[in-house]
Protein backbone atom coordinates (compact mmCIF):
# COMPACT_ATOMS: atom_id res chain seq x y z
CA UNK A 1 0.00 0.00 0.00
CA UNK A 2 1.26 3.47 -0.82
CA UNK A 3 0.91 6.37 1.61
CA UNK A 4 -2.64 7.70 2.05
CA UNK A 5 -3.11 11.25 3.30
CA UNK A 6 -6.17 12.98 4.76
CA UNK A 7 -7.13 16.13 6.63
CA UNK A 8 -9.44 16.69 9.60
CA UNK A 9 -10.60 19.92 11.19
CA UNK A 10 -12.34 20.86 14.43
CA UNK A 11 -12.72 24.43 15.76
CA UNK A 12 -9.30 26.00 15.09
CA UNK A 13 -7.39 22.70 14.95
CA UNK A 14 -6.14 21.14 11.71
CA UNK A 15 -4.76 17.59 11.49
CA UNK A 16 -2.90 16.47 8.35
CA UNK A 17 -2.14 12.76 8.42
CA UNK A 18 -0.16 10.22 6.40
CA UNK A 19 -1.11 6.54 6.77
CA UNK A 20 1.04 3.62 5.66
CA UNK A 21 1.25 -0.09 6.49
CA UNK A 22 3.00 -0.76 9.77
CA UNK A 23 2.70 -1.90 13.37
CA UNK A 24 0.23 0.65 14.79
CA UNK A 25 2.45 3.56 15.83
CA UNK A 26 0.95 7.07 15.86
CA UNK A 27 3.47 9.94 15.68
CA UNK A 28 2.18 13.49 16.21
CA UNK A 29 4.56 16.40 15.45
CA UNK A 30 7.54 14.01 15.87
CA UNK A 31 6.24 12.87 19.30
CA UNK A 32 4.51 9.65 20.34
CA UNK A 33 0.73 9.65 20.87
CA UNK A 34 1.14 9.03 24.63
CA UNK A 35 3.56 11.97 24.95
CA UNK A 36 1.40 14.36 22.92
CA UNK A 37 -1.91 13.40 24.57
CA UNK A 38 -1.08 12.32 28.17
CA UNK A 39 -4.80 11.99 29.03
CA UNK A 40 -6.16 8.50 28.38
CA UNK A 41 -9.53 9.91 27.27
CA UNK A 42 -7.91 11.89 24.44
CA UNK A 43 -5.86 8.85 23.37
CA UNK A 44 -9.13 6.89 23.30
CA UNK A 45 -10.82 9.60 21.15
CA UNK A 46 -7.95 9.47 18.63
CA UNK A 47 -8.05 5.64 18.40
CA UNK A 48 -11.87 5.32 18.17
CA UNK A 49 -12.07 4.85 14.36
CA UNK A 50 -9.16 2.34 14.39
CA UNK A 51 -10.75 0.32 17.20
CA UNK A 52 -14.15 0.40 15.50
CA UNK A 53 -12.67 -1.15 12.33
CA UNK A 54 -10.25 -3.46 14.24
CA UNK A 55 -7.18 -2.12 12.39
CA UNK A 56 -5.35 -0.49 15.35
CA UNK A 57 -2.18 -2.61 14.85
CA UNK A 58 -2.20 -2.47 11.04
CA UNK A 59 -1.14 1.07 10.08
CA UNK A 60 1.55 3.59 11.02
CA UNK A 61 0.18 7.14 11.18
CA UNK A 62 2.25 10.33 10.96
CA UNK A 63 0.44 13.53 11.93
CA UNK A 64 0.99 17.28 11.57
CA UNK A 65 -1.27 18.94 14.16
CA UNK A 66 -1.74 22.68 14.22
CA UNK A 67 -3.93 25.21 16.06
CA UNK A 68 -6.69 24.92 18.62
CA UNK A 69 -6.67 23.29 22.05
CA UNK A 70 -6.01 19.68 22.99
CA UNK A 71 -9.64 18.58 22.75
CA UNK A 72 -10.17 20.14 19.31
CA UNK A 73 -6.87 18.66 18.15
CA UNK A 74 -7.87 15.16 19.29
CA UNK A 75 -11.23 15.41 17.51
CA UNK A 76 -9.62 16.82 14.34
CA UNK A 77 -7.21 13.87 14.35
CA UNK A 78 -10.10 11.43 14.83
CA UNK A 79 -11.82 12.86 11.76
CA UNK A 80 -8.63 12.74 9.67
CA UNK A 81 -8.07 9.08 10.61
CA UNK A 82 -11.69 8.27 9.71
CA UNK A 83 -11.32 9.94 6.30
CA UNK A 84 -8.07 8.05 5.64
CA UNK A 85 -9.71 4.72 6.56
CA UNK A 86 -12.49 5.43 4.02
CA UNK A 87 -9.86 6.16 1.34
CA UNK A 88 -8.18 2.82 2.14
CA UNK A 89 -11.44 0.83 2.35
CA UNK A 90 -14.65 2.55 1.10
CA UNK A 91 -16.74 -0.28 2.64
CA UNK A 92 -15.99 1.10 6.12
CA UNK A 93 -17.76 4.43 5.50
CA UNK A 94 -21.25 3.45 6.76
CA UNK A 95 -19.88 2.19 10.10
CA UNK A 96 -17.79 5.34 10.61
CA UNK A 97 -20.68 7.60 9.60
CA UNK A 98 -23.03 5.79 12.01
CA UNK A 99 -20.53 6.38 14.83
CA UNK A 100 -20.44 10.09 13.89
CA UNK A 101 -16.76 10.27 12.90
CA UNK A 102 -17.35 11.42 9.29
CA UNK A 103 -19.35 14.56 10.14
CA UNK A 104 -17.49 17.84 10.48
CA UNK A 105 -18.64 19.59 13.68
CA UNK A 106 -19.37 23.14 12.45
CA UNK A 107 -19.43 24.84 15.86
CA UNK A 108 -16.89 27.64 16.11
CA UNK A 109 -16.20 30.34 18.70
CA UNK A 110 -18.46 33.36 18.19
CA UNK A 111 -16.54 36.59 17.68
CA UNK A 112 -16.37 39.31 20.33
CA UNK A 113 -18.47 42.37 19.48
CA UNK A 114 -17.34 45.96 20.07
CA UNK A 115 -18.92 47.67 23.08
CA UNK A 116 -19.27 44.35 24.90
CA UNK A 117 -16.86 42.44 27.14
CA UNK A 118 -17.51 39.11 25.35
CA UNK A 119 -19.48 37.77 22.38
CA UNK A 120 -22.90 37.96 24.06
CA UNK A 121 -22.28 39.35 27.55
CA UNK A 122 -23.18 43.03 27.98
CA UNK A 123 -21.58 45.55 30.30
CA UNK A 124 -23.59 46.17 33.47
CA UNK A 125 -26.60 48.39 32.78
CA UNK A 126 -27.87 50.88 35.33
CA UNK A 127 -30.64 53.36 34.62
CA UNK A 128 -29.51 56.00 37.07
Foldseek 3Di string as FASTA:
>chain_A
DAWFWFWFFAAFKIKIKIKDFAQQWEAEPNHGPCVVDVDPVLVCLLCVVCVLVVCNGTIYMYMYMDDDDSNRRSLRNLLRVLVRVCVVPVVCVVVCVVVPSPDHDPDYAAAADPQAPGNPHHDDDDPD
